[in-house]
Amino acid sequence: MNWDQIKGEWLQLKGSARERWGEMTDDELQEARGEREQLIGLVQSKYGKARAEAEAEVDAWHAELKGAA
């Protein structure tokens, strides 16, 4: 699953992101709209992580989605 597919299916995938990052609100996840950079920024700000760490988490979540597809 690539990021264009994630954007297109964001309403369904938002639940998976919510499970991964439970502190994020529905509004915050809605704002991300399946955009990789937005999601990385949210993980950074919400969890106080460095950019590289946030990128690694988002990429790991993406890899899980690809494996499930």
PDB file of N, CA and C in Angstrom:
ATOM      1  N   MET A   1       0.857  -1.176   0.000  1.00  0.00           N
ATOM      2  CA  MET A   1       0.000   0.000   0.000  1.00  0.00           C
ATOM      3  C   MET A   1       0.896   1.229   0.000  1.00  0.00           C
ATOM      4  N   ASN A   2       0.702   2.092  -0.984  1.00  0.00           N
ATOM      5  CA  ASN A   2       1.508   3.313  -1.029  1.00  0.00           C
ATOM      6  C   ASN A   2       0.741   4.467  -0.376  1.00  0.00           C
ATOM      7  N   TRP A   3       1.408   5.606  -0.267  1.00  0.00           N
ATOM      8  CA  TRP A   3       0.795   6.727   0.437  1.00  0.00           C
ATOM      9  C   TRP A   3      -0.396   7.314  -0.299  1.00  0.00           C
ATOM     10  N   ASP A   4      -0.454   7.195  -1.618  1.00  0.00           N
ATOM     11  CA  ASP A   4      -1.640   7.639  -2.351  1.00  0.00           C
ATOM     12  C   ASP A   4      -2.845   6.785  -1.973  1.00  0.00           C
ATOM     13  N   GLN A   5      -2.627   5.495  -1.814  1.00  0.00           N
ATOM     14  CA  GLN A   5      -3.708   4.599  -1.399  1.00  0.00           C
ATOM     15  C   GLN A   5      -4.136   4.911   0.040  1.00  0.00           C
ATOM     16  N   ILE A   6      -3.164   5.196   0.880  1.00  0.00           N
ATOM     17  CA  ILE A   6      -3.494   5.535   2.270  1.00  0.00           C
ATOM     18  C   ILE A   6      -4.367   6.780   2.305  1.00  0.00           C
ATOM     19  N   LYS A   7      -4.000   7.800   1.518  1.00  0.00           N
ATOM     20  CA  LYS A   7      -4.821   9.017   1.466  1.00  0.00           C
ATOM     21  C   LYS A   7      -6.239   8.691   1.013  1.00  0.00           C
ATOM     22  N   GLY A   8      -6.359   7.858  -0.002  1.00  0.00           N
ATOM     23  CA  GLY A   8      -7.668   7.510  -0.536  1.00  0.00           C
ATOM     24  C   GLY A   8      -8.523   6.707   0.422  1.00  0.00           C
ATOM     25  N   GLU A   9      -7.893   5.947   1.285  1.00  0.00           N
ATOM     26  CA  GLU A   9      -8.618   5.090   2.232  1.00  0.00           C
ATOM     27  C   GLU A   9      -8.467   5.569   3.667  1.00  0.00           C
ATOM     28  N   TRP A  10      -8.157   6.841   3.847  1.00  0.00           N
ATOM     29  CA  TRP A  10      -7.833   7.361   5.167  1.00  0.00           C
ATOM     30  C   TRP A  10      -8.957   7.157   6.179  1.00  0.00           C
ATOM     31  N   LEU A  11     -10.206   7.286   5.762  1.00  0.00           N
ATOM     32  CA  LEU A  11     -11.298   7.106   6.724  1.00  0.00           C
ATOM     33  C   LEU A  11     -11.260   5.720   7.345  1.00  0.00           C
ATOM     34  N   GLN A  12     -10.931   4.697   6.555  1.00  0.00           N
ATOM     35  CA  GLN A  12     -10.841   3.342   7.081  1.00  0.00           C
ATOM     36  C   GLN A  12      -9.545   3.126   7.863  1.00  0.00           C
ATOM     37  N   LEU A  13      -8.463   3.703   7.402  1.00  0.00           N
ATOM     38  CA  LEU A  13      -7.154   3.473   8.019  1.00  0.00           C
ATOM     39  C   LEU A  13      -6.921   4.318   9.270  1.00  0.00           C
ATOM     40  N   LYS A  14      -7.737   5.323   9.433  1.00  0.00           N
ATOM     41  CA  LYS A  14      -7.621   6.188  10.606  1.00  0.00           C
ATOM     42  C   LYS A  14      -7.723   5.368  11.900  1.00  0.00           C
ATOM     43  N   GLY A  15      -8.551   4.338  11.883  1.00  0.00           N
ATOM     44  CA  GLY A  15      -8.699   3.484  13.064  1.00  0.00           C
ATOM     45  C   GLY A  15      -7.406   2.758  13.402  1.00  0.00           C
ATOM     46  N   SER A  16      -6.701   2.314  12.390  1.00  0.00           N
ATOM     47  CA  SER A  16      -5.415   1.657  12.600  1.00  0.00           C
ATOM     48  C   SER A  16      -4.410   2.635  13.193  1.00  0.00           C
ATOM     49  N   ALA A  17      -4.411   3.849  12.695  1.00  0.00           N
ATOM     50  CA  ALA A  17      -3.511   4.878  13.226  1.00  0.00           C
ATOM     51  C   ALA A  17      -3.888   5.196  14.674  1.00  0.00           C
ATOM     52  N   ARG A  18      -5.172   5.205  14.956  1.00  0.00           N
ATOM     53  CA  ARG A  18      -5.653   5.491  16.316  1.00  0.00           C
ATOM     54  C   ARG A  18      -5.191   4.413  17.286  1.00  0.00           C
ATOM     55  N   GLU A  19      -5.197   3.151  16.827  1.00  0.00           N
ATOM     56  CA  GLU A  19      -4.707   2.062  17.672  1.00  0.00           C
ATOM     57  C   GLU A  19      -3.218   2.228  17.953  1.00  0.00           C
ATOM     58  N   ARG A  20      -2.481   2.651  16.955  1.00  0.00           N
ATOM     59  CA  ARG A  20      -1.027   2.803  17.083  1.00  0.00           C
ATOM     60  C   ARG A  20      -0.670   3.986  17.972  1.00  0.00           C
ATOM     61  N   TRP A  21      -1.360   5.105  17.767  1.00  0.00           N
ATOM     62  CA  TRP A  21      -1.077   6.328  18.515  1.00  0.00           C
ATOM     63  C   TRP A  21      -2.349   6.780  19.229  1.00  0.00           C
ATOM     64  N   GLY A  22      -2.660   6.118  20.315  1.00  0.00           N
ATOM     65  CA  GLY A  22      -3.917   6.313  21.036  1.00  0.00           C
ATOM     66  C   GLY A  22      -4.151   7.688  21.613  1.00  0.00           C
ATOM     67  N   GLU A  23      -3.102   8.468  21.791  1.00  0.00           N
ATOM     68  CA  GLU A  23      -3.283   9.804  22.373  1.00  0.00           C
ATOM     69  C   GLU A  23      -3.782  10.826  21.358  1.00  0.00           C
ATOM     70  N   MET A  24      -3.745  10.483  20.080  1.00  0.00           N
ATOM     71  CA  MET A  24      -4.203  11.427  19.051  1.00  0.00           C
ATOM     72  C   MET A  24      -5.720  11.452  19.009  1.00  0.00           C
ATOM     73  N   THR A  25      -6.250  12.641  18.835  1.00  0.00           N
ATOM     74  CA  THR A  25      -7.697  12.781  18.751  1.00  0.00           C
ATOM     75  C   THR A  25      -8.165  12.501  17.321  1.00  0.00           C
ATOM     76  N   ASP A  26      -9.446  12.261  17.186  1.00  0.00           N
ATOM     77  CA  ASP A  26     -10.015  12.073  15.852  1.00  0.00           C
ATOM     78  C   ASP A  26      -9.785  13.303  14.978  1.00  0.00           C
ATOM     79  N   ASP A  27      -9.903  14.484  15.580  1.00  0.00           N
ATOM     80  CA  ASP A  27      -9.690  15.717  14.825  1.00  0.00           C
ATOM     81  C   ASP A  27      -8.259  15.817  14.320  1.00  0.00           C
ATOM     82  N   GLU A  28      -7.294  15.454  15.160  1.00  0.00           N
ATOM     83  CA  GLU A  28      -5.901  15.501  14.736  1.00  0.00           C
ATOM     84  C   GLU A  28      -5.648  14.524  13.596  1.00  0.00           C
ATOM     85  N   LEU A  29      -6.173  13.327  13.730  1.00  0.00           N
ATOM     86  CA  LEU A  29      -5.993  12.334  12.674  1.00  0.00           C
ATOM     87  C   LEU A  29      -6.704  12.753  11.397  1.00  0.00           C
ATOM     88  N   GLN A  30      -7.856  13.385  11.535  1.00  0.00           N
ATOM     89  CA  GLN A  30      -8.574  13.873  10.354  1.00  0.00           C
ATOM     90  C   GLN A  30      -7.744  14.927   9.630  1.00  0.00           C
ATOM     91  N   GLU A  31      -7.080  15.797  10.405  1.00  0.00           N
ATOM     92  CA  GLU A  31      -6.237  16.833   9.808  1.00  0.00           C
ATOM     93  C   GLU A  31      -5.079  16.224   9.019  1.00  0.00           C
ATOM     94  N   ALA A  32      -4.581  15.084   9.452  1.00  0.00           N
ATOM     95  CA  ALA A  32      -3.454  14.444   8.768  1.00  0.00           C
ATOM     96  C   ALA A  32      -3.844  14.005   7.360  1.00  0.00           C
ATOM     97  N   ARG A  33      -5.104  13.597   7.163  1.00  0.00           N
ATOM     98  CA  ARG A  33      -5.636  13.212   5.856  1.00  0.00           C
ATOM     99  C   ARG A  33      -4.790  12.161   5.134  1.00  0.00           C
ATOM    100  N   GLY A  34      -4.080  11.345   5.896  1.00  0.00           N
ATOM    101  CA  GLY A  34      -3.283  10.302   5.266  1.00  0.00           C
ATOM    102  C   GLY A  34      -1.983  10.795   4.655  1.00  0.00           C
ATOM    103  N   GLU A  35      -1.597  11.998   4.983  1.00  0.00           N
ATOM    104  CA  GLU A  35      -0.350  12.573   4.472  1.00  0.00           C
ATOM    105  C   GLU A  35       0.799  12.161   5.388  1.00  0.00           C
ATOM    106  N   ARG A  36       1.827  11.573   4.821  1.00  0.00           N
ATOM    107  CA  ARG A  36       2.963  11.084   5.602  1.00  0.00           C
ATOM    108  C   ARG A  36       3.583  12.188   6.452  1.00  0.00           C
ATOM    109  N   GLU A  37       3.858  13.329   5.840  1.00  0.00           N
ATOM    110  CA  GLU A  37       4.519  14.418   6.563  1.00  0.00           C
ATOM    111  C   GLU A  37       3.657  14.951   7.700  1.00  0.00           C
ATOM    112  N   GLN A  38       2.361  15.043   7.473  1.00  0.00           N
ATOM    113  CA  GLN A  38       1.448  15.510   8.521  1.00  0.00           C
ATOM    114  C   GLN A  38       1.436  14.534   9.691  1.00  0.00           C
ATOM    115  N   LEU A  39       1.407  13.250   9.368  1.00  0.00           N
ATOM    116  CA  LEU A  39       1.374  12.223  10.406  1.00  0.00           C
ATOM    117  C   LEU A  39       2.675  12.232  11.205  1.00  0.00           C
ATOM    118  N   ILE A  40       3.787  12.387  10.527  1.00  0.00           N
ATOM    119  CA  ILE A  40       5.070  12.476  11.220  1.00  0.00           C
ATOM    120  C   ILE A  40       5.073  13.670  12.171  1.00  0.00           C
ATOM    121  N   GLY A  41       4.583  14.804  11.702  1.00  0.00           N
ATOM    122  CA  GLY A  41       4.512  16.001  12.538  1.00  0.00           C
ATOM    123  C   GLY A  41       3.638  15.794  13.761  1.00  0.00           C
ATOM    124  N   LEU A  42       2.528  15.112  13.578  1.00  0.00           N
ATOM    125  CA  LEU A  42       1.647  14.829  14.711  1.00  0.00           C
ATOM    126  C   LEU A  42       2.323  13.930  15.741  1.00  0.00           C
ATOM    127  N   VAL A  43       2.977  12.882  15.268  1.00  0.00           N
ATOM    128  CA  VAL A  43       3.673  11.972  16.184  1.00  0.00           C
ATOM    129  C   VAL A  43       4.763  12.746  16.930  1.00  0.00           C
ATOM    130  N   GLN A  44       5.474  13.593  16.211  1.00  0.00           N
ATOM    131  CA  GLN A  44       6.514  14.407  16.841  1.00  0.00           C
ATOM    132  C   GLN A  44       5.956  15.281  17.946  1.00  0.00           C
ATOM    133  N   SER A  45       4.929  16.036  17.621  1.00  0.00           N
ATOM    134  CA  SER A  45       4.411  17.003  18.594  1.00  0.00           C
ATOM    135  C   SER A  45       3.641  16.338  19.731  1.00  0.00           C
ATOM    136  N   LYS A  46       2.868  15.325  19.414  1.00  0.00           N
ATOM    137  CA  LYS A  46       2.025  14.694  20.435  1.00  0.00           C
ATOM    138  C   LYS A  46       2.846  13.874  21.427  1.00  0.00           C
ATOM    139  N   TYR A  47       3.909  13.246  20.940  1.00  0.00           N
ATOM    140  CA  TYR A  47       4.693  12.357  21.787  1.00  0.00           C
ATOM    141  C   TYR A  47       6.078  12.909  22.123  1.00  0.00           C
ATOM    142  N   GLY A  48       6.394  14.106  21.661  1.00  0.00           N
ATOM    143  CA  GLY A  48       7.670  14.732  21.979  1.00  0.00           C
ATOM    144  C   GLY A  48       8.866  13.968  21.428  1.00  0.00           C
ATOM    145  N   LYS A  49       8.718  13.437  20.240  1.00  0.00           N
ATOM    146  CA  LYS A  49       9.780  12.633  19.635  1.00  0.00           C
ATOM    147  C   LYS A  49      10.577  13.453  18.631  1.00  0.00           C
ATOM    148  N   ALA A  50      11.821  13.028  18.429  1.00  0.00           N
ATOM    149  CA  ALA A  50      12.648  13.636  17.390  1.00  0.00           C
ATOM    150  C   ALA A  50      12.080  13.232  16.033  1.00  0.00           C
ATOM    151  N   ARG A  51      12.383  14.022  15.027  1.00  0.00           N
ATOM    152  CA  ARG A  51      11.844  13.751  13.687  1.00  0.00           C
ATOM    153  C   ARG A  51      12.205  12.352  13.206  1.00  0.00           C
ATOM    154  N   ALA A  52      13.456  11.957  13.362  1.00  0.00           N
ATOM    155  CA  ALA A  52      13.886  10.639  12.883  1.00  0.00           C
ATOM    156  C   ALA A  52      13.113   9.519  13.576  1.00  0.00           C
ATOM    157  N   GLU A  53      12.863   9.671  14.850  1.00  0.00           N
ATOM    158  CA  GLU A  53      12.114   8.659  15.595  1.00  0.00           C
ATOM    159  C   GLU A  53      10.653   8.613  15.134  1.00  0.00           C
ATOM    160  N   ALA A  54      10.067   9.782  14.922  1.00  0.00           N
ATOM    161  CA  ALA A  54       8.688   9.849  14.436  1.00  0.00           C
ATOM    162  C   ALA A  54       8.584   9.251  13.035  1.00  0.00           C
ATOM    163  N   GLU A  55       9.547   9.546  12.175  1.00  0.00           N
ATOM    164  CA  GLU A  55       9.565   8.967  10.830  1.00  0.00           C
ATOM    165  C   GLU A  55       9.639   7.447  10.896  1.00  0.00           C
ATOM    166  N   ALA A  56      10.485   6.939  11.785  1.00  0.00           N
ATOM    167  CA  ALA A  56      10.637   5.493  11.922  1.00  0.00           C
ATOM    168  C   ALA A  56       9.326   4.847  12.361  1.00  0.00           C
ATOM    169  N   GLU A  57       8.618   5.485  13.285  1.00  0.00           N
ATOM    170  CA  GLU A  57       7.332   4.940  13.739  1.00  0.00           C
ATOM    171  C   GLU A  57       6.296   4.931  12.622  1.00  0.00           C
ATOM    172  N   VAL A  58       6.210   6.038  11.909  1.00  0.00           N
ATOM    173  CA  VAL A  58       5.240   6.132  10.811  1.00  0.00           C
ATOM    174  C   VAL A  58       5.584   5.124   9.715  1.00  0.00           C
ATOM    175  N   ASP A  59       6.866   4.996   9.413  1.00  0.00           N
ATOM    176  CA  ASP A  59       7.277   4.043   8.386  1.00  0.00           C
ATOM    177  C   ASP A  59       7.019   2.597   8.827  1.00  0.00           C
ATOM    178  N   ALA A  60       7.185   2.307  10.118  1.00  0.00           N
ATOM    179  CA  ALA A  60       6.890   0.965  10.626  1.00  0.00           C
ATOM    180  C   ALA A  60       5.393   0.676  10.506  1.00  0.00           C
ATOM    181  N   TRP A  61       4.556   1.669  10.817  1.00  0.00           N
ATOM    182  CA  TRP A  61       3.102   1.517  10.681  1.00  0.00           C
ATOM    183  C   TRP A  61       2.755   1.281   9.218  1.00  0.00           C
ATOM    184  N   HIS A  62       3.385   2.032   8.331  1.00  0.00           N
ATOM    185  CA  HIS A  62       3.149   1.870   6.898  1.00  0.00           C
ATOM    186  C   HIS A  62       3.547   0.472   6.447  1.00  0.00           C
ATOM    187  N   ALA A  63       4.667  -0.026   6.927  1.00  0.00           N
ATOM    188  CA  ALA A  63       5.119  -1.371   6.565  1.00  0.00           C
ATOM    189  C   ALA A  63       4.117  -2.431   7.042  1.00  0.00           C
ATOM    190  N   GLU A  64       3.543  -2.227   8.218  1.00  0.00           N
ATOM    191  CA  GLU A  64       2.521  -3.148   8.720  1.00  0.00           C
ATOM    192  C   GLU A  64       1.300  -3.144   7.813  1.00  0.00           C
ATOM    193  N   LEU A  65       0.911  -1.957   7.345  1.00  0.00           N
ATOM    194  CA  LEU A  65      -0.233  -1.862   6.431  1.00  0.00           C
ATOM    195  C   LEU A  65       0.053  -2.596   5.132  1.00  0.00           C
ATOM    196  N   LYS A  66       1.273  -2.432   4.628  1.00  0.00           N
ATOM    197  CA  LYS A  66       1.644  -3.102   3.379  1.00  0.00           C
ATOM    198  C   LYS A  66       1.621  -4.618   3.567  1.00  0.00           C
ATOM    199  N   GLY A  67       2.039  -5.067   4.723  1.00  0.00           N
ATOM    200  CA  GLY A  67       2.044  -6.503   4.992  1.00  0.00           C
ATOM    201  C   GLY A  67       0.639  -7.077   5.124  1.00  0.00           C
ATOM    202  N   ALA A  68      -0.287  -6.253   5.590  1.00  0.00           N
ATOM    203  CA  ALA A  68      -1.673  -6.700   5.776  1.00  0.00           C
ATOM    204  C   ALA A  68      -2.473  -6.627   4.484  1.00  0.00           C
ATOM    205  N   ALA A  69      -1.971  -5.865   3.514  1.00  0.00           N
ATOM    206  CA  ALA A  69      -2.739  -5.658   2.272  1.00  0.00           C
ATOM    207  C   ALA A  69      -2.681  -6.853   1.358  1.00  0.00           C
TER     208      ALA A  69
END
